[in-house]
Amino acid sequence: MHRRRDRPQLSKPIGFSLVTYDRSMVPEAALAQTDVGTVPATPGWFVLNAQDARWFQTPGLGYGLGLTGEDEYEAETFFPMLGMSIRVMNPGEPSTTYHWETEQEDFLVLSGEAILIIEGQERSLRQWDFVHCPPKSRHAFVGAGAGPCVLLCASSRQFQKDGPWGYYCSDPVAERYNAAAPEDTQDTELAYARFAASQHTRYPRGLLPE
């Protein structure tokens, strides 16, 4: 049990006055309505329900929602420090191509089951399993079980703009799940050449658990 520690009383130094700091207000972001969902249009704080946001669908890779931007412009303009997304994979569908990044990534299984491929090993995952990937951890996820897996993904972005983001990787274990790149590469088109292009879409009703 956490014990409360009494804080020491701070006395006002003689001859000095307390300084009043001007707390600037963080503005509320403007949200733009598009044909495929709502997206942030300016920097600032906001509240956006996942069912109202802009999703994308990739045949063979399931559905995804980039909560903090989908491309370099959106990430650097509105979300330069932290990346978050939701992935929904059906059984047998990989979430991404097997890869590593230069910064920390973390994942939480919100519902369903998945197989984690990490550093050439396999781990079975179920609801509420948390996965921590230190920098340069090679990994990918594959949907498993009887229904869709919903995965919450988070990653640091603080230093990616100053150097290589990471690499897509070949791996025999990942290859068995159609999750491997044909070779170690930074070429996204090569790493995902086996899949059709992603398409933006509105939220498909019933995709997320109630």
C-alpha atoms as a PDB file:
ATOM      1  CA  MET A   1       0.000   0.000   0.000  1.00  0.00           C
ATOM      2  CA  HIS A   2       1.257   3.455  -0.882  1.00  0.00           C
ATOM      3  CA  ARG A   3       2.066   5.563   2.170  1.00  0.00           C
ATOM      4  CA  ARG A   4       1.422   9.255   2.072  1.00  0.00           C
ATOM      5  CA  ARG A   5       4.445  11.317   2.880  1.00  0.00           C
ATOM      6  CA  ASP A   6       3.897  14.642   4.571  1.00  0.00           C
ATOM      7  CA  ARG A   7       5.330  17.374   2.423  1.00  0.00           C
ATOM      8  CA  PRO A   8       7.654  19.856   4.148  1.00  0.00           C
ATOM      9  CA  GLN A   9       6.237  23.321   4.627  1.00  0.00           C
ATOM     10  CA  LEU A  10       7.945  25.854   2.380  1.00  0.00           C
ATOM     11  CA  SER A  11       8.618  29.200   4.010  1.00  0.00           C
ATOM     12  CA  LYS A  12       8.674  32.432   2.084  1.00  0.00           C
ATOM     13  CA  PRO A  13      12.228  33.872   2.024  1.00  0.00           C
ATOM     14  CA  ILE A  14      12.566  37.243   3.751  1.00  0.00           C
ATOM     15  CA  GLY A  15      12.922  40.075   1.284  1.00  0.00           C
ATOM     16  CA  PHE A  16      11.486  38.145  -1.669  1.00  0.00           C
ATOM     17  CA  SER A  17       7.999  38.159  -3.118  1.00  0.00           C
ATOM     18  CA  LEU A  18       6.237  35.174  -4.609  1.00  0.00           C
ATOM     19  CA  VAL A  19       6.426  35.058  -8.398  1.00  0.00           C
ATOM     20  CA  THR A  20       3.211  34.696 -10.353  1.00  0.00           C
ATOM     21  CA  TYR A  21       3.734  32.720 -13.535  1.00  0.00           C
ATOM     22  CA  ASP A  22       1.686  33.370 -16.631  1.00  0.00           C
ATOM     23  CA  ARG A  23       0.183  30.056 -17.655  1.00  0.00           C
ATOM     24  CA  SER A  24      -0.448  30.158 -21.395  1.00  0.00           C
ATOM     25  CA  MET A  25      -3.456  28.196 -22.572  1.00  0.00           C
ATOM     26  CA  VAL A  26      -3.121  25.338 -25.041  1.00  0.00           C
ATOM     27  CA  PRO A  27      -5.626  25.969 -27.855  1.00  0.00           C
ATOM     28  CA  GLU A  28      -8.311  23.533 -28.861  1.00  0.00           C
ATOM     29  CA  ALA A  29      -7.583  21.956 -32.240  1.00  0.00           C
ATOM     30  CA  ALA A  30      -9.920  22.393 -35.183  1.00  0.00           C
ATOM     31  CA  LEU A  31     -11.340  19.123 -36.507  1.00  0.00           C
ATOM     32  CA  ALA A  32     -12.100  18.659 -40.195  1.00  0.00           C
ATOM     33  CA  GLN A  33     -14.929  16.509 -41.551  1.00  0.00           C
ATOM     34  CA  THR A  34     -13.913  14.406 -44.561  1.00  0.00           C
ATOM     35  CA  ASP A  35     -15.710  11.808 -46.667  1.00  0.00           C
ATOM     36  CA  VAL A  36     -13.956   9.048 -44.693  1.00  0.00           C
ATOM     37  CA  GLY A  37     -14.089  10.469 -41.172  1.00  0.00           C
ATOM     38  CA  THR A  38     -12.933  13.278 -38.892  1.00  0.00           C
ATOM     39  CA  VAL A  39      -9.271  14.376 -38.695  1.00  0.00           C
ATOM     40  CA  PRO A  40      -7.397  17.112 -36.771  1.00  0.00           C
ATOM     41  CA  ALA A  41      -6.743  20.212 -38.877  1.00  0.00           C
ATOM     42  CA  THR A  42      -4.688  22.353 -36.466  1.00  0.00           C
ATOM     43  CA  PRO A  43      -2.405  21.679 -33.478  1.00  0.00           C
ATOM     44  CA  GLY A  44      -3.970  21.606 -30.025  1.00  0.00           C
ATOM     45  CA  TRP A  45      -5.975  19.430 -27.691  1.00  0.00           C
ATOM     46  CA  PHE A  46      -9.086  17.617 -28.860  1.00  0.00           C
ATOM     47  CA  VAL A  47     -11.464  14.751 -28.165  1.00  0.00           C
ATOM     48  CA  LEU A  48     -12.353  12.413 -31.034  1.00  0.00           C
ATOM     49  CA  ASN A  49     -14.252   9.136 -30.840  1.00  0.00           C
ATOM     50  CA  ALA A  50     -12.597   6.286 -32.756  1.00  0.00           C
ATOM     51  CA  GLN A  51     -15.873   5.486 -34.520  1.00  0.00           C
ATOM     52  CA  ASP A  52     -15.977   9.009 -35.989  1.00  0.00           C
ATOM     53  CA  ALA A  53     -12.337   9.062 -37.120  1.00  0.00           C
ATOM     54  CA  ARG A  54     -10.702   8.224 -40.466  1.00  0.00           C
ATOM     55  CA  TRP A  55      -9.844   4.530 -40.848  1.00  0.00           C
ATOM     56  CA  PHE A  56      -7.969   2.617 -43.526  1.00  0.00           C
ATOM     57  CA  GLN A  57      -8.332  -0.923 -44.821  1.00  0.00           C
ATOM     58  CA  THR A  58      -5.622  -3.054 -46.424  1.00  0.00           C
ATOM     59  CA  PRO A  59      -6.536  -6.416 -47.972  1.00  0.00           C
ATOM     60  CA  GLY A  60      -4.673  -9.090 -46.001  1.00  0.00           C
ATOM     61  CA  LEU A  61      -3.734  -6.686 -43.183  1.00  0.00           C
ATOM     62  CA  GLY A  62      -7.133  -5.805 -41.738  1.00  0.00           C
ATOM     63  CA  TYR A  63      -8.196  -2.344 -40.597  1.00  0.00           C
ATOM     64  CA  GLY A  64      -6.271   0.457 -38.937  1.00  0.00           C
ATOM     65  CA  LEU A  65      -6.821   3.844 -37.332  1.00  0.00           C
ATOM     66  CA  GLY A  66      -3.926   6.276 -37.055  1.00  0.00           C
ATOM     67  CA  LEU A  67      -4.938   8.126 -33.919  1.00  0.00           C
ATOM     68  CA  THR A  68      -1.919  10.433 -34.206  1.00  0.00           C
ATOM     69  CA  GLY A  69      -1.556  10.874 -37.945  1.00  0.00           C
ATOM     70  CA  GLU A  70      -0.918   8.591 -40.885  1.00  0.00           C
ATOM     71  CA  ASP A  71       1.895  10.320 -42.775  1.00  0.00           C
ATOM     72  CA  GLU A  72       5.022  12.354 -42.109  1.00  0.00           C
ATOM     73  CA  TYR A  73       3.241  15.710 -42.412  1.00  0.00           C
ATOM     74  CA  GLU A  74       0.498  14.839 -39.922  1.00  0.00           C
ATOM     75  CA  ALA A  75       2.929  13.261 -37.458  1.00  0.00           C
ATOM     76  CA  GLU A  76       5.414  16.135 -37.446  1.00  0.00           C
ATOM     77  CA  THR A  77       2.755  18.890 -37.482  1.00  0.00           C
ATOM     78  CA  PHE A  78       0.273  17.632 -34.905  1.00  0.00           C
ATOM     79  CA  PHE A  79       1.898  14.689 -33.030  1.00  0.00           C
ATOM     80  CA  PRO A  80       5.711  15.021 -33.006  1.00  0.00           C
ATOM     81  CA  MET A  81       6.363  13.128 -29.756  1.00  0.00           C
ATOM     82  CA  LEU A  82       4.019  10.123 -29.561  1.00  0.00           C
ATOM     83  CA  GLY A  83       2.399   7.821 -32.083  1.00  0.00           C
ATOM     84  CA  MET A  84      -0.759   5.836 -31.309  1.00  0.00           C
ATOM     85  CA  SER A  85      -2.945   3.643 -33.487  1.00  0.00           C
ATOM     86  CA  ILE A  86      -5.501   0.854 -33.398  1.00  0.00           C
ATOM     87  CA  ARG A  87      -5.131  -2.264 -35.557  1.00  0.00           C
ATOM     88  CA  VAL A  88      -7.860  -4.849 -36.135  1.00  0.00           C
ATOM     89  CA  MET A  89      -6.712  -8.155 -37.671  1.00  0.00           C
ATOM     90  CA  ASN A  90      -8.731 -11.218 -38.544  1.00  0.00           C
ATOM     91  CA  PRO A  91      -7.234 -14.655 -37.788  1.00  0.00           C
ATOM     92  CA  GLY A  92      -4.198 -15.199 -40.001  1.00  0.00           C
ATOM     93  CA  GLU A  93      -3.759 -11.516 -40.913  1.00  0.00           C
ATOM     94  CA  PRO A  94      -0.479  -9.816 -39.911  1.00  0.00           C
ATOM     95  CA  SER A  95      -0.649  -6.312 -38.476  1.00  0.00           C
ATOM     96  CA  THR A  96       2.476  -5.113 -40.279  1.00  0.00           C
ATOM     97  CA  THR A  97       5.585  -6.409 -41.961  1.00  0.00           C
ATOM     98  CA  TYR A  98       8.151  -7.723 -39.440  1.00  0.00           C
ATOM     99  CA  HIS A  99      10.347  -4.755 -38.498  1.00  0.00           C
ATOM    100  CA  TRP A 100      12.261  -2.868 -35.829  1.00  0.00           C
ATOM    101  CA  GLU A 101      12.234   0.833 -34.961  1.00  0.00           C
ATOM    102  CA  THR A 102      14.819   3.119 -33.412  1.00  0.00           C
ATOM    103  CA  GLU A 103      12.487   4.051 -30.562  1.00  0.00           C
ATOM    104  CA  GLN A 104      10.359   2.291 -27.953  1.00  0.00           C
ATOM    105  CA  GLU A 105       7.034   0.719 -28.910  1.00  0.00           C
ATOM    106  CA  ASP A 106       4.297  -0.718 -26.682  1.00  0.00           C
ATOM    107  CA  PHE A 107       1.134  -2.690 -27.419  1.00  0.00           C
ATOM    108  CA  LEU A 108      -2.006  -3.740 -25.568  1.00  0.00           C
ATOM    109  CA  VAL A 109      -4.453  -6.419 -26.739  1.00  0.00           C
ATOM    110  CA  LEU A 110      -7.893  -4.844 -26.227  1.00  0.00           C
ATOM    111  CA  SER A 111      -9.837  -7.883 -27.392  1.00  0.00           C
ATOM    112  CA  GLY A 112      -9.343 -11.196 -29.155  1.00  0.00           C
ATOM    113  CA  GLU A 113      -6.168 -13.215 -29.599  1.00  0.00           C
ATOM    114  CA  ALA A 114      -2.935 -12.797 -31.526  1.00  0.00           C
ATOM    115  CA  ILE A 115       0.462 -14.323 -32.139  1.00  0.00           C
ATOM    116  CA  LEU A 116       3.432 -12.104 -31.364  1.00  0.00           C
ATOM    117  CA  ILE A 117       6.529 -12.736 -33.488  1.00  0.00           C
ATOM    118  CA  ILE A 118       9.467 -11.129 -31.704  1.00  0.00           C
ATOM    119  CA  GLU A 119      13.198 -11.679 -32.224  1.00  0.00           C
ATOM    120  CA  GLY A 120      12.503 -14.912 -34.092  1.00  0.00           C
ATOM    121  CA  GLN A 121      10.213 -16.309 -31.385  1.00  0.00           C
ATOM    122  CA  GLU A 122       6.441 -16.788 -31.105  1.00  0.00           C
ATOM    123  CA  ARG A 123       4.214 -15.867 -28.164  1.00  0.00           C
ATOM    124  CA  SER A 124       0.459 -16.391 -27.872  1.00  0.00           C
ATOM    125  CA  LEU A 125      -1.434 -13.295 -26.727  1.00  0.00           C
ATOM    126  CA  ARG A 126      -4.914 -12.825 -25.295  1.00  0.00           C
ATOM    127  CA  GLN A 127      -7.026  -9.904 -24.087  1.00  0.00           C
ATOM    128  CA  TRP A 128      -5.160  -7.427 -21.853  1.00  0.00           C
ATOM    129  CA  ASP A 129      -1.703  -8.833 -22.626  1.00  0.00           C
ATOM    130  CA  PHE A 130       0.809  -5.970 -22.753  1.00  0.00           C
ATOM    131  CA  VAL A 131       3.862  -6.145 -25.038  1.00  0.00           C
ATOM    132  CA  HIS A 132       6.894  -3.900 -24.520  1.00  0.00           C
ATOM    133  CA  CYS A 133       9.402  -3.513 -27.366  1.00  0.00           C
ATOM    134  CA  PRO A 134      12.626  -1.667 -26.524  1.00  0.00           C
ATOM    135  CA  PRO A 135      14.339   0.091 -29.448  1.00  0.00           C
ATOM    136  CA  LYS A 136      15.425  -2.271 -32.261  1.00  0.00           C
ATOM    137  CA  SER A 137      13.155  -5.144 -31.149  1.00  0.00           C
ATOM    138  CA  ARG A 138      12.097  -6.992 -34.317  1.00  0.00           C
ATOM    139  CA  HIS A 139       8.388  -7.758 -34.153  1.00  0.00           C
ATOM    140  CA  ALA A 140       5.015  -8.217 -35.824  1.00  0.00           C
ATOM    141  CA  PHE A 141       1.570  -9.416 -34.775  1.00  0.00           C
ATOM    142  CA  VAL A 142      -0.782 -11.887 -36.439  1.00  0.00           C
ATOM    143  CA  GLY A 143      -4.479 -12.294 -35.666  1.00  0.00           C
ATOM    144  CA  ALA A 144      -5.409 -15.625 -34.079  1.00  0.00           C
ATOM    145  CA  GLY A 145      -8.320 -17.391 -32.395  1.00  0.00           C
ATOM    146  CA  ALA A 146     -11.899 -17.424 -33.590  1.00  0.00           C
ATOM    147  CA  GLY A 147     -12.454 -13.727 -34.291  1.00  0.00           C
ATOM    148  CA  PRO A 148     -10.797 -10.338 -34.820  1.00  0.00           C
ATOM    149  CA  CYS A 149      -7.981  -9.086 -32.597  1.00  0.00           C
ATOM    150  CA  VAL A 150      -8.026  -5.404 -31.595  1.00  0.00           C
ATOM    151  CA  LEU A 151      -4.564  -4.050 -30.796  1.00  0.00           C
ATOM    152  CA  LEU A 152      -3.671  -0.645 -29.320  1.00  0.00           C
ATOM    153  CA  CYS A 153      -0.220   0.491 -30.476  1.00  0.00           C
ATOM    154  CA  ALA A 154       1.990   3.279 -29.074  1.00  0.00           C
ATOM    155  CA  SER A 155       5.470   4.455 -30.038  1.00  0.00           C
ATOM    156  CA  SER A 156       7.867   7.279 -29.330  1.00  0.00           C
ATOM    157  CA  ARG A 157       8.600   9.730 -32.167  1.00  0.00           C
ATOM    158  CA  GLN A 158      10.985  12.083 -30.437  1.00  0.00           C
ATOM    159  CA  PHE A 159      14.147  11.269 -32.409  1.00  0.00           C
ATOM    160  CA  GLN A 160      12.846   9.593 -35.568  1.00  0.00           C
ATOM    161  CA  LYS A 161      12.884  12.796 -37.588  1.00  0.00           C
ATOM    162  CA  ASP A 162      16.664  13.083 -37.045  1.00  0.00           C
ATOM    163  CA  GLY A 163      17.634   9.643 -38.307  1.00  0.00           C
ATOM    164  CA  PRO A 164      16.485   6.343 -39.772  1.00  0.00           C
ATOM    165  CA  TRP A 165      13.182   5.163 -38.333  1.00  0.00           C
ATOM    166  CA  GLY A 166      14.198   1.483 -38.489  1.00  0.00           C
ATOM    167  CA  TYR A 167      14.157  -1.490 -40.883  1.00  0.00           C
ATOM    168  CA  TYR A 168      11.786  -4.075 -42.322  1.00  0.00           C
ATOM    169  CA  CYS A 169      13.273  -7.535 -41.806  1.00  0.00           C
ATOM    170  CA  SER A 170      13.289 -10.981 -43.362  1.00  0.00           C
ATOM    171  CA  ASP A 171      12.780 -13.853 -40.920  1.00  0.00           C
ATOM    172  CA  PRO A 172      11.796 -17.527 -41.338  1.00  0.00           C
ATOM    173  CA  VAL A 173       9.273 -17.459 -38.476  1.00  0.00           C
ATOM    174  CA  ALA A 174       7.614 -14.267 -39.743  1.00  0.00           C
ATOM    175  CA  GLU A 175       7.623 -15.682 -43.274  1.00  0.00           C
ATOM    176  CA  ARG A 176       5.373 -18.571 -42.165  1.00  0.00           C
ATOM    177  CA  TYR A 177       2.727 -15.971 -41.271  1.00  0.00           C
ATOM    178  CA  ASN A 178       3.198 -13.818 -44.395  1.00  0.00           C
ATOM    179  CA  ALA A 179       4.690 -11.130 -42.145  1.00  0.00           C
ATOM    180  CA  ALA A 180       8.312 -11.048 -43.384  1.00  0.00           C
ATOM    181  CA  ALA A 181       9.957  -8.645 -45.794  1.00  0.00           C
ATOM    182  CA  PRO A 182      11.719 -10.271 -48.766  1.00  0.00           C
ATOM    183  CA  GLU A 183      14.974  -8.754 -47.482  1.00  0.00           C
ATOM    184  CA  ASP A 184      16.157  -6.290 -44.848  1.00  0.00           C
ATOM    185  CA  THR A 185      15.119  -2.945 -46.268  1.00  0.00           C
ATOM    186  CA  GLN A 186      13.841   0.550 -45.543  1.00  0.00           C
ATOM    187  CA  ASP A 187      11.823   0.542 -48.760  1.00  0.00           C
ATOM    188  CA  THR A 188       8.166   0.477 -47.711  1.00  0.00           C
ATOM    189  CA  GLU A 189       6.969  -0.371 -51.216  1.00  0.00           C
ATOM    190  CA  LEU A 190       9.229  -3.432 -51.333  1.00  0.00           C
ATOM    191  CA  ALA A 191       8.272  -4.526 -47.812  1.00  0.00           C
ATOM    192  CA  TYR A 192       4.529  -4.377 -48.637  1.00  0.00           C
ATOM    193  CA  ALA A 193       4.628  -5.287 -52.332  1.00  0.00           C
ATOM    194  CA  ARG A 194       2.685  -8.512 -51.666  1.00  0.00           C
ATOM    195  CA  PHE A 195      -0.347  -6.532 -50.432  1.00  0.00           C
ATOM    196  CA  ALA A 196      -2.793  -4.311 -52.287  1.00  0.00           C
ATOM    197  CA  ALA A 197      -2.715  -0.590 -51.532  1.00  0.00           C
ATOM    198  CA  SER A 198      -4.502   0.723 -48.441  1.00  0.00           C
ATOM    199  CA  GLN A 199      -7.771   2.591 -48.873  1.00  0.00           C
ATOM    200  CA  HIS A 200      -9.300   5.131 -46.516  1.00  0.00           C
ATOM    201  CA  THR A 201     -12.735   4.257 -45.210  1.00  0.00           C
ATOM    202  CA  ARG A 202     -15.281   5.308 -42.663  1.00  0.00           C
ATOM    203  CA  TYR A 203     -15.498   3.221 -39.527  1.00  0.00           C
ATOM    204  CA  PRO A 204     -17.081  -0.155 -40.370  1.00  0.00           C
ATOM    205  CA  ARG A 205     -19.969  -0.663 -37.963  1.00  0.00           C
ATOM    206  CA  GLY A 206     -19.302  -3.457 -35.461  1.00  0.00           C
ATOM    207  CA  LEU A 207     -15.517  -3.516 -36.039  1.00  0.00           C
ATOM    208  CA  LEU A 208     -14.704  -2.580 -32.421  1.00  0.00           C
ATOM    209  CA  PRO A 209     -16.139  -4.404 -29.398  1.00  0.00           C
ATOM    210  CA  GLU A 210     -18.978  -2.633 -27.635  1.00  0.00           C
END
